[in-house]
Amino acid sequence: QLQLVESGGGLVQSGGSLRLSCAASGGISSDYAMGWFRQAPGKEREGVSSISSSGISTSYVDSVKGRFTISRDNAKNTVTLQMNSLKPEDTAVYYCAARRGPGATTIQALYNYWGQGTQVTVSS
């Protein structure tokens, strides 16, 4: 089993930056690919970014490419999502997720473990 806890959410003005962190426990970080997902009220959850177990491969949804960067530190069992040039449409609850496998993917059905989420609000 794996437990994930997100942190770093908050209120930021449009154009600002936030850094989300995901702390994992109960497993070996290098065994898991990781992903970030988000869900706005009344909307479906969507994949934002993912990173392979090694940290070499990453993926991003088109709407955040060039603005968000995912990274991981397996020694510290953490995954980070650096969010720059934030827009109001980025407002959502952001979830960290993990799957036991190497590849980066935002296919939600492949993820087995989920955090409880952290709120990101971007004001215009």
PDB file of N, CA and C in Angstrom:
ATOM      1  N   GLN A   1       0.823  -1.171   0.000  1.00  0.00           N
ATOM      2  CA  GLN A   1       0.000   0.000   0.000  1.00  0.00           C
ATOM      3  C   GLN A   1       0.875   1.245   0.000  1.00  0.00           C
ATOM      4  N   LEU A   2       0.308   2.303  -0.526  1.00  0.00           N
ATOM      5  CA  LEU A   2       1.018   3.563  -0.629  1.00  0.00           C
ATOM      6  C   LEU A   2       0.080   4.688  -0.196  1.00  0.00           C
ATOM      7  N   GLN A   3       0.605   5.622   0.573  1.00  0.00           N
ATOM      8  CA  GLN A   3      -0.158   6.790   0.984  1.00  0.00           C
ATOM      9  C   GLN A   3       0.464   8.047   0.397  1.00  0.00           C
ATOM     10  N   LEU A   4      -0.385   8.923  -0.109  1.00  0.00           N
ATOM     11  CA  LEU A   4       0.064  10.142  -0.757  1.00  0.00           C
ATOM     12  C   LEU A   4      -0.593  11.349  -0.101  1.00  0.00           C
ATOM     13  N   VAL A   5       0.188  12.377   0.163  1.00  0.00           N
ATOM     14  CA  VAL A   5      -0.316  13.596   0.772  1.00  0.00           C
ATOM     15  C   VAL A   5       0.179  14.786  -0.028  1.00  0.00           C
ATOM     16  N   GLU A   6      -0.761  15.585  -0.545  1.00  0.00           N
ATOM     17  CA  GLU A   6      -0.416  16.769  -1.312  1.00  0.00           C
ATOM     18  C   GLU A   6      -0.317  17.986  -0.402  1.00  0.00           C
ATOM     19  N   SER A   7       0.490  18.939  -0.817  1.00  0.00           N
ATOM     20  CA  SER A   7       0.599  20.204  -0.111  1.00  0.00           C
ATOM     21  C   SER A   7       1.046  21.278  -1.093  1.00  0.00           C
ATOM     22  N   GLY A   8       0.928  22.526  -0.686  1.00  0.00           N
ATOM     23  CA  GLY A   8       1.409  23.635  -1.490  1.00  0.00           C
ATOM     24  C   GLY A   8       0.342  24.420  -2.214  1.00  0.00           C
ATOM     25  N   GLY A   9      -0.901  23.987  -2.131  1.00  0.00           N
ATOM     26  CA  GLY A   9      -1.967  24.726  -2.769  1.00  0.00           C
ATOM     27  C   GLY A   9      -2.253  26.027  -2.045  1.00  0.00           C
ATOM     28  N   GLY A  10      -3.031  26.870  -2.694  1.00  0.00           N
ATOM     29  CA  GLY A  10      -3.372  28.141  -2.099  1.00  0.00           C
ATOM     30  C   GLY A  10      -3.967  29.089  -3.106  1.00  0.00           C
ATOM     31  N   LEU A  11      -4.020  30.346  -2.733  1.00  0.00           N
ATOM     32  CA  LEU A  11      -4.569  31.403  -3.575  1.00  0.00           C
ATOM     33  C   LEU A  11      -3.433  32.202  -4.190  1.00  0.00           C
ATOM     34  N   VAL A  12      -3.507  32.398  -5.487  1.00  0.00           N
ATOM     35  CA  VAL A  12      -2.475  33.145  -6.194  1.00  0.00           C
ATOM     36  C   VAL A  12      -3.131  33.970  -7.292  1.00  0.00           C
ATOM     37  N   GLN A  13      -2.526  35.085  -7.616  1.00  0.00           N
ATOM     38  CA  GLN A  13      -3.042  35.922  -8.692  1.00  0.00           C
ATOM     39  C   GLN A  13      -2.666  35.362 -10.056  1.00  0.00           C
ATOM     40  N   SER A  14      -3.464  35.695 -11.031  1.00  0.00           N
ATOM     41  CA  SER A  14      -3.166  35.295 -12.397  1.00  0.00           C
ATOM     42  C   SER A  14      -1.760  35.742 -12.784  1.00  0.00           C
ATOM     43  N   GLY A  15      -1.014  34.827 -13.384  1.00  0.00           N
ATOM     44  CA  GLY A  15       0.363  35.097 -13.746  1.00  0.00           C
ATOM     45  C   GLY A  15       1.369  34.686 -12.694  1.00  0.00           C
ATOM     46  N   GLY A  16       0.894  34.334 -11.526  1.00  0.00           N
ATOM     47  CA  GLY A  16       1.769  33.933 -10.446  1.00  0.00           C
ATOM     48  C   GLY A  16       2.155  32.475 -10.518  1.00  0.00           C
ATOM     49  N   SER A  17       2.835  32.022  -9.472  1.00  0.00           N
ATOM     50  CA  SER A  17       3.357  30.664  -9.431  1.00  0.00           C
ATOM     51  C   SER A  17       3.018  29.979  -8.120  1.00  0.00           C
ATOM     52  N   LEU A  18       2.911  28.678  -8.186  1.00  0.00           N
ATOM     53  CA  LEU A  18       2.765  27.826  -7.021  1.00  0.00           C
ATOM     54  C   LEU A  18       3.560  26.555  -7.248  1.00  0.00           C
ATOM     55  N   ARG A  19       3.983  25.954  -6.165  1.00  0.00           N
ATOM     56  CA  ARG A  19       4.673  24.683  -6.232  1.00  0.00           C
ATOM     57  C   ARG A  19       3.933  23.675  -5.367  1.00  0.00           C
ATOM     58  N   LEU A  20       3.425  22.640  -5.998  1.00  0.00           N
ATOM     59  CA  LEU A  20       2.739  21.577  -5.290  1.00  0.00           C
ATOM     60  C   LEU A  20       3.707  20.437  -5.004  1.00  0.00           C
ATOM     61  N   SER A  21       3.560  19.846  -3.842  1.00  0.00           N
ATOM     62  CA  SER A  21       4.386  18.715  -3.470  1.00  0.00           C
ATOM     63  C   SER A  21       3.508  17.534  -3.097  1.00  0.00           C
ATOM     64  N   CYS A  22       4.015  16.360  -3.345  1.00  0.00           N
ATOM     65  CA  CYS A  22       3.342  15.122  -2.997  1.00  0.00           C
ATOM     66  C   CYS A  22       4.320  14.261  -2.234  1.00  0.00           C
ATOM     67  N   ALA A  23       3.988  13.945  -1.000  1.00  0.00           N
ATOM     68  CA  ALA A  23       4.824  13.096  -0.160  1.00  0.00           C
ATOM     69  C   ALA A  23       4.246  11.691  -0.137  1.00  0.00           C
ATOM     70  N   ALA A  24       5.074  10.722  -0.427  1.00  0.00           N
ATOM     71  CA  ALA A  24       4.653   9.325  -0.468  1.00  0.00           C
ATOM     72  C   ALA A  24       5.238   8.559   0.702  1.00  0.00           C
ATOM     73  N   SER A  25       4.467   7.615   1.199  1.00  0.00           N
ATOM     74  CA  SER A  25       4.933   6.750   2.268  1.00  0.00           C
ATOM     75  C   SER A  25       4.335   5.360   2.089  1.00  0.00           C
ATOM     76  N   GLY A  26       5.014   4.368   2.627  1.00  0.00           N
ATOM     77  CA  GLY A  26       4.517   3.006   2.557  1.00  0.00           C
ATOM     78  C   GLY A  26       4.973   2.218   1.352  1.00  0.00           C
ATOM     79  N   GLY A  27       5.889   2.782   0.583  1.00  0.00           N
ATOM     80  CA  GLY A  27       6.385   2.100  -0.593  1.00  0.00           C
ATOM     81  C   GLY A  27       7.728   2.643  -1.026  1.00  0.00           C
ATOM     82  N   ILE A  28       8.284   2.029  -2.040  1.00  0.00           N
ATOM     83  CA  ILE A  28       9.554   2.472  -2.609  1.00  0.00           C
ATOM     84  C   ILE A  28       9.250   3.374  -3.787  1.00  0.00           C
ATOM     85  N   SER A  29       9.653   4.624  -3.689  1.00  0.00           N
ATOM     86  CA  SER A  29       9.280   5.619  -4.684  1.00  0.00           C
ATOM     87  C   SER A  29       9.698   5.233  -6.096  1.00  0.00           C
ATOM     88  N   SER A  30      10.858   4.649  -6.239  1.00  0.00           N
ATOM     89  CA  SER A  30      11.367   4.316  -7.558  1.00  0.00           C
ATOM     90  C   SER A  30      10.586   3.195  -8.247  1.00  0.00           C
ATOM     91  N   ASP A  31       9.663   2.566  -7.540  1.00  0.00           N
ATOM     92  CA  ASP A  31       8.823   1.530  -8.137  1.00  0.00           C
ATOM     93  C   ASP A  31       7.584   2.101  -8.822  1.00  0.00           C
ATOM     94  N   TYR A  32       7.332   3.388  -8.648  1.00  0.00           N
ATOM     95  CA  TYR A  32       6.067   3.976  -9.075  1.00  0.00           C
ATOM     96  C   TYR A  32       6.242   5.119 -10.058  1.00  0.00           C
ATOM     97  N   ALA A  33       5.453   5.076 -11.119  1.00  0.00           N
ATOM     98  CA  ALA A  33       5.240   6.269 -11.912  1.00  0.00           C
ATOM     99  C   ALA A  33       4.229   7.147 -11.179  1.00  0.00           C
ATOM    100  N   MET A  34       4.323   8.447 -11.377  1.00  0.00           N
ATOM    101  CA  MET A  34       3.485   9.385 -10.644  1.00  0.00           C
ATOM    102  C   MET A  34       2.770  10.320 -11.601  1.00  0.00           C
ATOM    103  N   GLY A  35       1.637  10.822 -11.152  1.00  0.00           N
ATOM    104  CA  GLY A  35       0.883  11.760 -11.959  1.00  0.00           C
ATOM    105  C   GLY A  35       0.197  12.812 -11.119  1.00  0.00           C
ATOM    106  N   TRP A  36      -0.085  13.933 -11.756  1.00  0.00           N
ATOM    107  CA  TRP A  36      -0.899  14.985 -11.165  1.00  0.00           C
ATOM    108  C   TRP A  36      -2.179  15.123 -11.980  1.00  0.00           C
ATOM    109  N   PHE A  37      -3.291  15.205 -11.285  1.00  0.00           N
ATOM    110  CA  PHE A  37      -4.602  15.362 -11.889  1.00  0.00           C
ATOM    111  C   PHE A  37      -5.309  16.519 -11.216  1.00  0.00           C
ATOM    112  N   ARG A  38      -6.319  17.062 -11.852  1.00  0.00           N
ATOM    113  CA  ARG A  38      -7.056  18.158 -11.251  1.00  0.00           C
ATOM    114  C   ARG A  38      -8.533  18.065 -11.598  1.00  0.00           C
ATOM    115  N   GLN A  39      -9.339  18.632 -10.711  1.00  0.00           N
ATOM    116  CA  GLN A  39     -10.779  18.623 -10.915  1.00  0.00           C
ATOM    117  C   GLN A  39     -11.379  19.928 -10.414  1.00  0.00           C
ATOM    118  N   ALA A  40     -12.044  20.625 -11.302  1.00  0.00           N
ATOM    119  CA  ALA A  40     -12.778  21.820 -10.949  1.00  0.00           C
ATOM    120  C   ALA A  40     -14.208  21.437 -10.591  1.00  0.00           C
ATOM    121  N   PRO A  41     -14.893  22.233  -9.771  1.00  0.00           N
ATOM    122  CA  PRO A  41     -16.264  21.911  -9.385  1.00  0.00           C
ATOM    123  C   PRO A  41     -17.172  21.711 -10.591  1.00  0.00           C
ATOM    124  N   GLY A  42     -17.907  20.613 -10.597  1.00  0.00           N
ATOM    125  CA  GLY A  42     -18.831  20.324 -11.670  1.00  0.00           C
ATOM    126  C   GLY A  42     -18.197  19.814 -12.944  1.00  0.00           C
ATOM    127  N   LYS A  43     -16.894  19.593 -12.938  1.00  0.00           N
ATOM    128  CA  LYS A  43     -16.200  19.124 -14.122  1.00  0.00           C
ATOM    129  C   LYS A  43     -15.498  17.801 -13.847  1.00  0.00           C
ATOM    130  N   GLU A  44     -15.172  17.110 -14.919  1.00  0.00           N
ATOM    131  CA  GLU A  44     -14.479  15.842 -14.795  1.00  0.00           C
ATOM    132  C   GLU A  44     -13.026  16.048 -14.412  1.00  0.00           C
ATOM    133  N   ARG A  45     -12.481  15.068 -13.712  1.00  0.00           N
ATOM    134  CA  ARG A  45     -11.078  15.107 -13.386  1.00  0.00           C
ATOM    135  C   ARG A  45     -10.254  14.877 -14.645  1.00  0.00           C
ATOM    136  N   GLU A  46      -9.195  15.651 -14.802  1.00  0.00           N
ATOM    137  CA  GLU A  46      -8.350  15.529 -15.969  1.00  0.00           C
ATOM    138  C   GLU A  46      -6.897  15.329 -15.572  1.00  0.00           C
ATOM    139  N   GLY A  47      -6.174  14.646 -16.417  1.00  0.00           N
ATOM    140  CA  GLY A  47      -4.756  14.472 -16.200  1.00  0.00           C
ATOM    141  C   GLY A  47      -3.999  15.740 -16.546  1.00  0.00           C
ATOM    142  N   VAL A  48      -3.052  16.109 -15.715  1.00  0.00           N
ATOM    143  CA  VAL A  48      -2.261  17.313 -15.904  1.00  0.00           C
ATOM    144  C   VAL A  48      -0.844  16.982 -16.338  1.00  0.00           C
ATOM    145  N   SER A  49      -0.213  16.087 -15.605  1.00  0.00           N
ATOM    146  CA  SER A  49       1.178  15.774 -15.863  1.00  0.00           C
ATOM    147  C   SER A  49       1.526  14.428 -15.253  1.00  0.00           C
ATOM    148  N   SER A  50       2.571  13.814 -15.757  1.00  0.00           N
ATOM    149  CA  SER A  50       3.035  12.551 -15.203  1.00  0.00           C
ATOM    150  C   SER A  50       4.540  12.449 -15.362  1.00  0.00           C
ATOM    151  N   ILE A  51       5.119  11.552 -14.582  1.00  0.00           N
ATOM    152  CA  ILE A  51       6.561  11.346 -14.627  1.00  0.00           C
ATOM    153  C   ILE A  51       6.853   9.873 -14.398  1.00  0.00           C
ATOM    154  N   SER A  52       7.789   9.346 -15.139  1.00  0.00           N
ATOM    155  CA  SER A  52       8.148   7.948 -15.025  1.00  0.00           C
ATOM    156  C   SER A  52       8.834   7.678 -13.695  1.00  0.00           C
ATOM    157  N   SER A  53       8.932   6.404 -13.352  1.00  0.00           N
ATOM    158  CA  SER A  53       9.534   6.035 -12.081  1.00  0.00           C
ATOM    159  C   SER A  53      10.979   6.507 -11.952  1.00  0.00           C
ATOM    160  N   SER A  54      11.679   6.580 -13.060  1.00  0.00           N
ATOM    161  CA  SER A  54      13.061   7.036 -13.055  1.00  0.00           C
ATOM    162  C   SER A  54      13.187   8.555 -13.086  1.00  0.00           C
ATOM    163  N   GLY A  55      12.126   9.237 -13.479  1.00  0.00           N
ATOM    164  CA  GLY A  55      12.163  10.676 -13.631  1.00  0.00           C
ATOM    165  C   GLY A  55      12.631  11.144 -14.995  1.00  0.00           C
ATOM    166  N   ILE A  56      12.948  10.226 -15.877  1.00  0.00           N
ATOM    167  CA  ILE A  56      13.477  10.597 -17.180  1.00  0.00           C
ATOM    168  C   ILE A  56      12.385  11.054 -18.137  1.00  0.00           C
ATOM    169  N   SER A  57      11.249  10.385 -18.111  1.00  0.00           N
ATOM    170  CA  SER A  57      10.171  10.691 -19.037  1.00  0.00           C
ATOM    171  C   SER A  57       9.055  11.461 -18.340  1.00  0.00           C
ATOM    172  N   THR A  58       8.513  12.464 -19.026  1.00  0.00           N
ATOM    173  CA  THR A  58       7.402  13.251 -18.489  1.00  0.00           C
ATOM    174  C   THR A  58       6.356  13.473 -19.560  1.00  0.00           C
ATOM    175  N   SER A  59       5.145  13.818 -19.126  1.00  0.00           N
ATOM    176  CA  SER A  59       4.081  14.153 -20.047  1.00  0.00           C
ATOM    177  C   SER A  59       3.253  15.283 -19.459  1.00  0.00           C
ATOM    178  N   TYR A  60       2.611  16.065 -20.350  1.00  0.00           N
ATOM    179  CA  TYR A  60       1.807  17.198 -19.936  1.00  0.00           C
ATOM    180  C   TYR A  60       0.589  17.320 -20.830  1.00  0.00           C
ATOM    181  N   VAL A  61      -0.519  17.715 -20.240  1.00  0.00           N
ATOM    182  CA  VAL A  61      -1.676  18.052 -21.034  1.00  0.00           C
ATOM    183  C   VAL A  61      -1.366  19.350 -21.787  1.00  0.00           C
ATOM    184  N   ASP A  62      -1.929  19.494 -22.977  1.00  0.00           N
ATOM    185  CA  ASP A  62      -1.582  20.628 -23.829  1.00  0.00           C
ATOM    186  C   ASP A  62      -1.766  21.980 -23.143  1.00  0.00           C
ATOM    187  N   SER A  63      -2.777  22.098 -22.324  1.00  0.00           N
ATOM    188  CA  SER A  63      -3.103  23.383 -21.724  1.00  0.00           C
ATOM    189  C   SER A  63      -2.059  23.884 -20.727  1.00  0.00           C
ATOM    190  N   VAL A  64      -1.168  23.011 -20.260  1.00  0.00           N
ATOM    191  CA  VAL A  64      -0.160  23.431 -19.287  1.00  0.00           C
ATOM    192  C   VAL A  64       1.258  23.349 -19.823  1.00  0.00           C
ATOM    193  N   LYS A  65       1.428  22.883 -21.031  1.00  0.00           N
ATOM    194  CA  LYS A  65       2.766  22.764 -21.593  1.00  0.00           C
ATOM    195  C   LYS A  65       3.455  24.122 -21.648  1.00  0.00           C
ATOM    196  N   GLY A  66       4.688  24.143 -21.205  1.00  0.00           N
ATOM    197  CA  GLY A  66       5.445  25.380 -21.163  1.00  0.00           C
ATOM    198  C   GLY A  66       5.245  26.179 -19.906  1.00  0.00           C
ATOM    199  N   ARG A  67       4.253  25.812 -19.100  1.00  0.00           N
ATOM    200  CA  ARG A  67       3.971  26.531 -17.861  1.00  0.00           C
ATOM    201  C   ARG A  67       4.228  25.689 -16.617  1.00  0.00           C
ATOM    202  N   PHE A  68       3.935  24.401 -16.704  1.00  0.00           N
ATOM    203  CA  PHE A  68       4.091  23.499 -15.566  1.00  0.00           C
ATOM    204  C   PHE A  68       5.287  22.583 -15.786  1.00  0.00           C
ATOM    205  N   THR A  69       5.932  22.210 -14.692  1.00  0.00           N
ATOM    206  CA  THR A  69       7.040  21.276 -14.737  1.00  0.00           C
ATOM    207  C   THR A  69       6.904  20.266 -13.608  1.00  0.00           C
ATOM    208  N   ILE A  70       6.958  18.995 -13.954  1.00  0.00           N
ATOM    209  CA  ILE A  70       6.901  17.943 -12.960  1.00  0.00           C
ATOM    210  C   ILE A  70       8.310  17.415 -12.706  1.00  0.00           C
ATOM    211  N   SER A  71       8.584  17.078 -11.465  1.00  0.00           N
ATOM    212  CA  SER A  71       9.876  16.514 -11.105  1.00  0.00           C
ATOM    213  C   SER A  71       9.695  15.595  -9.906  1.00  0.00           C
ATOM    214  N   ARG A  72      10.723  14.820  -9.617  1.00  0.00           N
ATOM    215  CA  ARG A  72      10.638  13.929  -8.462  1.00  0.00           C
ATOM    216  C   ARG A  72      12.002  13.769  -7.809  1.00  0.00           C
ATOM    217  N   ASP A  73      11.955  13.454  -6.533  1.00  0.00           N
ATOM    218  CA  ASP A  73      13.148  13.170  -5.755  1.00  0.00           C
ATOM    219  C   ASP A  73      12.878  11.857  -5.040  1.00  0.00           C
ATOM    220  N   ASN A  74      13.333  10.787  -5.623  1.00  0.00           N
ATOM    221  CA  ASN A  74      13.034   9.473  -5.061  1.00  0.00           C
ATOM    222  C   ASN A  74      13.684   9.253  -3.696  1.00  0.00           C
ATOM    223  N   ALA A  75      14.809   9.903  -3.459  1.00  0.00           N
ATOM    224  CA  ALA A  75      15.458   9.776  -2.163  1.00  0.00           C
ATOM    225  C   ALA A  75      14.602  10.356  -1.050  1.00  0.00           C
ATOM    226  N   LYS A  76      13.817  11.377  -1.368  1.00  0.00           N
ATOM    227  CA  LYS A  76      12.941  12.010  -0.388  1.00  0.00           C
ATOM    228  C   LYS A  76      11.495  11.557  -0.514  1.00  0.00           C
ATOM    229  N   ASN A  77      11.218  10.691  -1.460  1.00  0.00           N
ATOM    230  CA  ASN A  77       9.860  10.190  -1.696  1.00  0.00           C
ATOM    231  C   ASN A  77       8.878  11.325  -1.981  1.00  0.00           C
ATOM    232  N   THR A  78       9.297  12.244  -2.826  1.00  0.00           N
ATOM    233  CA  THR A  78       8.450  13.381  -3.151  1.00  0.00           C
ATOM    234  C   THR A  78       8.357  13.596  -4.656  1.00  0.00           C
ATOM    235  N   VAL A  79       7.233  14.156  -5.068  1.00  0.00           N
ATOM    236  CA  VAL A  79       7.003  14.578  -6.442  1.00  0.00           C
ATOM    237  C   VAL A  79       6.512  16.015  -6.393  1.00  0.00           C
ATOM    238  N   THR A  80       7.004  16.823  -7.300  1.00  0.00           N
ATOM    239  CA  THR A  80       6.698  18.244  -7.303  1.00  0.00           C
ATOM    240  C   THR A  80       6.087  18.669  -8.627  1.00  0.00           C
ATOM    241  N   LEU A  81       5.130  19.567  -8.557  1.00  0.00           N
ATOM    242  CA  LEU A  81       4.584  20.204  -9.749  1.00  0.00           C
ATOM    243  C   LEU A  81       4.790  21.702  -9.610  1.00  0.00           C
ATOM    244  N   GLN A  82       5.730  22.231 -10.369  1.00  0.00           N
ATOM    245  CA  GLN A  82       5.971  23.663 -10.401  1.00  0.00           C
ATOM    246  C   GLN A  82       5.031  24.288 -11.417  1.00  0.00           C
ATOM    247  N   MET A  83       4.200  25.210 -10.979  1.00  0.00           N
ATOM    248  CA  MET A  83       3.194  25.827 -11.827  1.00  0.00           C
ATOM    249  C   MET A  83       3.502  27.311 -11.966  1.00  0.00           C
ATOM    250  N   ASN A  84       3.814  27.721 -13.176  1.00  0.00           N
ATOM    251  CA  ASN A  84       4.111  29.112 -13.473  1.00  0.00           C
ATOM    252  C   ASN A  84       3.056  29.685 -14.409  1.00  0.00           C
ATOM    253  N   SER A  85       3.017  31.001 -14.487  1.00  0.00           N
ATOM    254  CA  SER A  85       2.074  31.696 -15.367  1.00  0.00           C
ATOM    255  C   SER A  85       0.660  31.172 -15.198  1.00  0.00           C
ATOM    256  N   LEU A  86       0.236  31.082 -13.967  1.00  0.00           N
ATOM    257  CA  LEU A  86      -1.066  30.499 -13.665  1.00  0.00           C
ATOM    258  C   LEU A  86      -2.205  31.340 -14.213  1.00  0.00           C
ATOM    259  N   LYS A  87      -3.252  30.644 -14.621  1.00  0.00           N
ATOM    260  CA  LYS A  87      -4.441  31.253 -15.185  1.00  0.00           C
ATOM    261  C   LYS A  87      -5.655  30.877 -14.348  1.00  0.00           C
ATOM    262  N   PRO A  88      -6.714  31.679 -14.386  1.00  0.00           N
ATOM    263  CA  PRO A  88      -7.923  31.320 -13.637  1.00  0.00           C
ATOM    264  C   PRO A  88      -8.452  29.932 -13.977  1.00  0.00           C
ATOM    265  N   GLU A  89      -8.302  29.497 -15.204  1.00  0.00           N
ATOM    266  CA  GLU A  89      -8.774  28.181 -15.584  1.00  0.00           C
ATOM    267  C   GLU A  89      -7.960  27.043 -14.985  1.00  0.00           C
ATOM    268  N   ASP A  90      -6.854  27.364 -14.334  1.00  0.00           N
ATOM    269  CA  ASP A  90      -6.096  26.364 -13.598  1.00  0.00           C
ATOM    270  C   ASP A  90      -6.690  26.084 -12.224  1.00  0.00           C
ATOM    271  N   THR A  91      -7.665  26.869 -11.823  1.00  0.00           N
ATOM    272  CA  THR A  91      -8.301  26.690 -10.524  1.00  0.00           C
ATOM    273  C   THR A  91      -8.956  25.317 -10.439  1.00  0.00           C
ATOM    274  N   ALA A  92      -8.573  24.550  -9.424  1.00  0.00           N
ATOM    275  CA  ALA A  92      -9.081  23.194  -9.264  1.00  0.00           C
ATOM    276  C   ALA A  92      -8.487  22.590  -8.004  1.00  0.00           C
ATOM    277  N   VAL A  93      -9.015  21.446  -7.627  1.00  0.00           N
ATOM    278  CA  VAL A  93      -8.355  20.615  -6.636  1.00  0.00           C
ATOM    279  C   VAL A  93      -7.366  19.732  -7.373  1.00  0.00           C
ATOM    280  N   TYR A  94      -6.133  19.755  -6.943  1.00  0.00           N
ATOM    281  CA  TYR A  94      -5.084  18.991  -7.589  1.00  0.00           C
ATOM    282  C   TYR A  94      -4.778  17.741  -6.780  1.00  0.00           C
ATOM    283  N   TYR A  95      -4.726  16.618  -7.477  1.00  0.00           N
ATOM    284  CA  TYR A  95      -4.495  15.330  -6.853  1.00  0.00           C
ATOM    285  C   TYR A  95      -3.198  14.710  -7.338  1.00  0.00           C
ATOM    286  N   CYS A  96      -2.485  14.135  -6.426  1.00  0.00           N
ATOM    287  CA  CYS A  96      -1.315  13.326  -6.736  1.00  0.00           C
ATOM    288  C   CYS A  96      -1.744  11.865  -6.814  1.00  0.00           C
ATOM    289  N   ALA A  97      -1.189  11.129  -7.752  1.00  0.00           N
ATOM    290  CA  ALA A  97      -1.526   9.725  -7.911  1.00  0.00           C
ATOM    291  C   ALA A  97      -0.286   8.919  -8.255  1.00  0.00           C
ATOM    292  N   ALA A  98      -0.337   7.621  -7.957  1.00  0.00           N
ATOM    293  CA  ALA A  98       0.786   6.726  -8.206  1.00  0.00           C
ATOM    294  C   ALA A  98       0.307   5.409  -8.769  1.00  0.00           C
ATOM    295  N   ARG A  99       1.154   4.793  -9.572  1.00  0.00           N
ATOM    296  CA  ARG A  99       0.901   3.452 -10.058  1.00  0.00           C
ATOM    297  C   ARG A  99       2.198   2.664 -10.014  1.00  0.00           C
ATOM    298  N   ARG A 100       2.071   1.381  -9.782  1.00  0.00           N
ATOM    299  CA  ARG A 100       3.250   0.530  -9.757  1.00  0.00           C
ATOM    300  C   ARG A 100       3.618   0.174 -11.191  1.00  0.00           C
ATOM    301  N   GLY A 101       4.506   0.921 -11.748  1.00  0.00           N
ATOM    302  CA  GLY A 101       4.951   0.732 -13.108  1.00  0.00           C
ATOM    303  C   GLY A 101       5.890   1.848 -13.488  1.00  0.00           C
ATOM    304  N   PRO A 102       6.628   1.691 -14.567  1.00  0.00           N
ATOM    305  CA  PRO A 102       7.669   2.664 -14.905  1.00  0.00           C
ATOM    306  C   PRO A 102       7.228   3.849 -15.738  1.00  0.00           C
ATOM    307  N   GLY A 103       6.212   3.682 -16.576  1.00  0.00           N
ATOM    308  CA  GLY A 103       5.933   4.657 -17.610  1.00  0.00           C
ATOM    309  C   GLY A 103       5.103   5.847 -17.181  1.00  0.00           C
ATOM    310  N   ALA A 104       5.415   6.991 -17.777  1.00  0.00           N
ATOM    311  CA  ALA A 104       4.646   8.211 -17.557  1.00  0.00           C
ATOM    312  C   ALA A 104       3.350   8.146 -18.361  1.00  0.00           C
ATOM    313  N   THR A 105       2.225   8.364 -17.694  1.00  0.00           N
ATOM    314  CA  THR A 105       0.931   8.345 -18.354  1.00  0.00           C
ATOM    315  C   THR A 105      -0.091   9.078 -17.505  1.00  0.00           C
ATOM    316  N   THR A 106      -1.072   9.692 -18.167  1.00  0.00           N
ATOM    317  CA  THR A 106      -2.180  10.320 -17.454  1.00  0.00           C
ATOM    318  C   THR A 106      -3.486   9.562 -17.686  1.00  0.00           C
ATOM    319  N   ILE A 107      -3.393   8.310 -18.045  1.00  0.00           N
ATOM    320  CA  ILE A 107      -4.571   7.449 -18.118  1.00  0.00           C
ATOM    321  C   ILE A 107      -4.971   7.110 -16.690  1.00  0.00           C
ATOM    322  N   GLN A 108      -6.085   7.656 -16.247  1.00  0.00           N
ATOM    323  CA  GLN A 108      -6.457   7.579 -14.846  1.00  0.00           C
ATOM    324  C   GLN A 108      -6.692   6.157 -14.355  1.00  0.00           C
ATOM    325  N   ALA A 109      -7.204   5.301 -15.223  1.00  0.00           N
ATOM    326  CA  ALA A 109      -7.517   3.937 -14.826  1.00  0.00           C
ATOM    327  C   ALA A 109      -6.279   3.144 -14.434  1.00  0.00           C
ATOM    328  N   LEU A 110      -5.122   3.595 -14.840  1.00  0.00           N
ATOM    329  CA  LEU A 110      -3.888   2.892 -14.531  1.00  0.00           C
ATOM    330  C   LEU A 110      -3.344   3.225 -13.147  1.00  0.00           C
ATOM    331  N   TYR A 111      -3.872   4.240 -12.515  1.00  0.00           N
ATOM    332  CA  TYR A 111      -3.369   4.670 -11.212  1.00  0.00           C
ATOM    333  C   TYR A 111      -4.133   4.014 -10.078  1.00  0.00           C
ATOM    334  N   ASN A 112      -3.393   3.516  -9.114  1.00  0.00           N
ATOM    335  CA  ASN A 112      -3.956   2.740  -8.018  1.00  0.00           C
ATOM    336  C   ASN A 112      -4.070   3.517  -6.716  1.00  0.00           C
ATOM    337  N   TYR A 113      -3.250   4.531  -6.547  1.00  0.00           N
ATOM    338  CA  TYR A 113      -3.174   5.245  -5.282  1.00  0.00           C
ATOM    339  C   TYR A 113      -3.370   6.729  -5.518  1.00  0.00           C
ATOM    340  N   TRP A 114      -4.166   7.338  -4.646  1.00  0.00           N
ATOM    341  CA  TRP A 114      -4.536   8.741  -4.803  1.00  0.00           C
ATOM    342  C   TRP A 114      -4.432   9.493  -3.488  1.00  0.00           C
ATOM    343  N   GLY A 115      -3.961  10.724  -3.567  1.00  0.00           N
ATOM    344  CA  GLY A 115      -4.004  11.602  -2.419  1.00  0.00           C
ATOM    345  C   GLY A 115      -5.376  12.236  -2.282  1.00  0.00           C
ATOM    346  N   GLN A 116      -5.545  13.038  -1.239  1.00  0.00           N
ATOM    347  CA  GLN A 116      -6.836  13.666  -0.967  1.00  0.00           C
ATOM    348  C   GLN A 116      -7.007  15.015  -1.643  1.00  0.00           C
ATOM    349  N   GLY A 117      -5.968  15.540  -2.218  1.00  0.00           N
ATOM    350  CA  GLY A 117      -6.074  16.757  -2.992  1.00  0.00           C
ATOM    351  C   GLY A 117      -5.683  18.011  -2.247  1.00  0.00           C
ATOM    352  N   THR A 118      -5.287  19.016  -3.006  1.00  0.00           N
ATOM    353  CA  THR A 118      -4.988  20.332  -2.461  1.00  0.00           C
ATOM    354  C   THR A 118      -5.582  21.384  -3.388  1.00  0.00           C
ATOM    355  N   GLN A 119      -6.196  22.392  -2.806  1.00  0.00           N
ATOM    356  CA  GLN A 119      -6.916  23.400  -3.579  1.00  0.00           C
ATOM    357  C   GLN A 119      -5.966  24.442  -4.144  1.00  0.00           C
ATOM    358  N   VAL A 120      -6.112  24.709  -5.425  1.00  0.00           N
ATOM    359  CA  VAL A 120      -5.402  25.795  -6.095  1.00  0.00           C
ATOM    360  C   VAL A 120      -6.440  26.756  -6.643  1.00  0.00           C
ATOM    361  N   THR A 121      -6.336  28.009  -6.249  1.00  0.00           N
ATOM    362  CA  THR A 121      -7.257  29.029  -6.721  1.00  0.00           C
ATOM    363  C   THR A 121      -6.463  30.165  -7.341  1.00  0.00           C
ATOM    364  N   VAL A 122      -6.784  30.495  -8.577  1.00  0.00           N
ATOM    365  CA  VAL A 122      -6.090  31.555  -9.304  1.00  0.00           C
ATOM    366  C   VAL A 122      -7.091  32.671  -9.566  1.00  0.00           C
ATOM    367  N   SER A 123      -6.822  33.831  -9.029  1.00  0.00           N
ATOM    368  CA  SER A 123      -7.708  34.968  -9.198  1.00  0.00           C
ATOM    369  C   SER A 123      -7.299  35.793 -10.407  1.00  0.00           C
ATOM    370  N   SER A 124      -8.277  36.403 -11.048  1.00  0.00           N
ATOM    371  CA  SER A 124      -8.020  37.208 -12.228  1.00  0.00           C
ATOM    372  C   SER A 124      -7.773  38.656 -11.876  1.00  0.00           C
TER     373      SER A 124
END
